């Protein structure tokens, strides 16, 4: 699964082989993070391709936050300005968690018993 997640993350980020320093580790960590958030009794295979796509987005978001893309974010030459639109790491993370929402526990919800 890790190889598939890595390939998806590289494709989503438009990265080439040499640019993906540390991305493999981010993929393993993202898979572990998502697996830990799954509802009781749910395994990654139950989620189909959604799990792999979400893990790729999480891995890419973490990698981008740590390393950036290695490319200039904005370049201006005279009257022409080019800005990179690779995506915001926080937005990628939100997308991944939103895609996986049906399979994840709600970390904001906590039920505690009440004494009679």
Protein backbone atom coordinates (compact mmCIF):
# COMPACT_ATOMS: atom_id res chain seq x y z
CA UNK A 1 0.00 0.00 0.00
CA UNK A 2 2.86 2.36 0.80
CA UNK A 3 4.11 2.31 -2.81
CA UNK A 4 0.66 3.20 -4.12
CA UNK A 5 0.31 6.06 -1.62
CA UNK A 6 3.79 7.33 -2.54
CA UNK A 7 2.99 7.24 -6.27
CA UNK A 8 -0.31 9.10 -5.68
CA UNK A 9 1.38 11.74 -3.51
CA UNK A 10 4.07 12.32 -6.12
CA UNK A 11 1.43 12.64 -8.85
CA UNK A 12 -0.73 15.01 -6.79
CA UNK A 13 2.28 17.17 -6.00
CA UNK A 14 3.67 17.08 -9.54
CA UNK A 15 6.94 15.78 -8.11
CA UNK A 16 9.72 13.97 -9.91
CA UNK A 17 11.81 11.14 -8.44
CA UNK A 18 14.58 13.39 -7.12
CA UNK A 19 12.20 15.89 -5.52
CA UNK A 20 10.52 13.46 -3.15
CA UNK A 21 13.07 13.59 -0.34
CA UNK A 22 11.34 12.41 2.81
CA UNK A 23 8.01 11.76 1.08
CA UNK A 24 8.26 8.01 1.62
CA UNK A 25 8.50 8.52 5.38
CA UNK A 26 5.57 10.95 5.25
CA UNK A 27 3.55 8.25 3.45
CA UNK A 28 4.25 5.67 6.17
CA UNK A 29 3.31 8.18 8.85
CA UNK A 30 0.11 9.22 7.03
CA UNK A 31 -0.96 5.59 6.67
CA UNK A 32 -0.35 5.09 10.40
CA UNK A 33 -2.21 8.27 11.30
CA UNK A 34 -5.29 7.38 9.25
CA UNK A 35 -5.26 3.79 10.47
CA UNK A 36 -5.24 5.06 14.06
CA UNK A 37 -8.27 7.27 13.39
CA UNK A 38 -10.44 4.53 11.87
CA UNK A 39 -13.62 3.52 13.64
CA UNK A 40 -13.49 0.36 15.68
CA UNK A 41 -13.67 -2.69 13.43
CA UNK A 42 -12.77 -0.77 10.26
CA UNK A 43 -9.50 -1.59 8.46
CA UNK A 44 -7.88 0.37 5.62
CA UNK A 45 -9.01 -2.20 3.05
CA UNK A 46 -12.65 -1.46 3.97
CA UNK A 47 -12.18 2.10 2.69
CA UNK A 48 -11.04 1.14 -0.81
CA UNK A 49 -9.15 3.72 -2.84
CA UNK A 50 -10.41 6.49 -0.57
CA UNK A 51 -7.90 5.45 2.10
CA UNK A 52 -4.98 5.53 -0.32
CA UNK A 53 -5.97 8.88 -1.80
CA UNK A 54 -6.47 10.44 1.63
CA UNK A 55 -3.16 9.04 2.89
CA UNK A 56 -1.42 10.50 -0.18
CA UNK A 57 -2.94 13.93 0.52
CA UNK A 58 -1.91 13.77 4.18
CA UNK A 59 1.62 12.71 3.25
CA UNK A 60 1.95 15.45 0.63
CA UNK A 61 0.57 18.05 3.04
CA UNK A 62 3.10 17.08 5.71
CA UNK A 63 5.94 17.02 3.19
CA UNK A 64 4.95 20.42 1.77
CA UNK A 65 4.71 21.92 5.24
CA UNK A 66 8.19 20.65 6.11
CA UNK A 67 10.10 20.94 2.85
CA UNK A 68 7.98 23.12 0.62
CA UNK A 69 7.99 22.29 -3.05
CA UNK A 70 11.54 23.42 -3.71
CA UNK A 71 10.19 25.74 -6.40
CA UNK A 72 9.65 29.48 -6.20
CA UNK A 73 6.14 30.33 -5.04
CA UNK A 74 6.10 33.59 -6.97
CA UNK A 75 8.18 34.89 -9.85
CA UNK A 76 7.95 38.34 -11.39
CA UNK A 77 9.66 39.52 -14.56
CA UNK A 78 8.65 43.00 -15.60
CA UNK A 79 4.86 43.13 -15.87
CA UNK A 80 4.43 39.33 -15.77
CA UNK A 81 3.90 37.49 -12.48
CA UNK A 82 3.66 33.72 -12.19
CA UNK A 83 2.44 32.16 -8.94
CA UNK A 84 2.57 28.50 -8.08
CA UNK A 85 -0.80 26.95 -7.29
CA UNK A 86 0.37 23.62 -5.89
CA UNK A 87 -1.97 23.86 -2.96
CA UNK A 88 -2.03 24.71 0.67
CA UNK A 89 -0.89 21.94 3.06
CA UNK A 90 -3.69 22.72 5.51
CA UNK A 91 -6.26 22.52 2.72
CA UNK A 92 -4.90 19.15 1.56
CA UNK A 93 -5.14 17.85 5.13
CA UNK A 94 -8.76 19.03 5.44
CA UNK A 95 -9.66 17.41 2.13
CA UNK A 96 -8.13 14.10 3.18
CA UNK A 97 -9.94 14.01 6.51
CA UNK A 98 -13.22 15.07 4.91
CA UNK A 99 -12.94 12.25 2.34
CA UNK A 100 -12.34 9.73 5.11
CA UNK A 101 -15.04 11.12 7.45
CA UNK A 102 -17.44 8.17 7.03
CA UNK A 103 -14.70 5.79 8.21
CA UNK A 104 -13.16 7.86 11.01
CA UNK A 105 -13.99 8.34 14.63
CA UNK A 106 -14.95 11.88 15.58
CA UNK A 107 -12.03 13.19 17.66
CA UNK A 108 -14.16 16.14 18.85
CA UNK A 109 -16.82 13.88 20.36
CA UNK A 110 -16.37 12.43 23.82
CA UNK A 111 -19.06 10.72 25.84
CA UNK A 112 -18.64 10.37 29.57
CA UNK A 113 -21.12 8.61 31.76
CA UNK A 114 -23.23 10.56 34.19
CA UNK A 115 -23.83 9.33 37.72
CA UNK A 116 -27.47 8.96 38.73
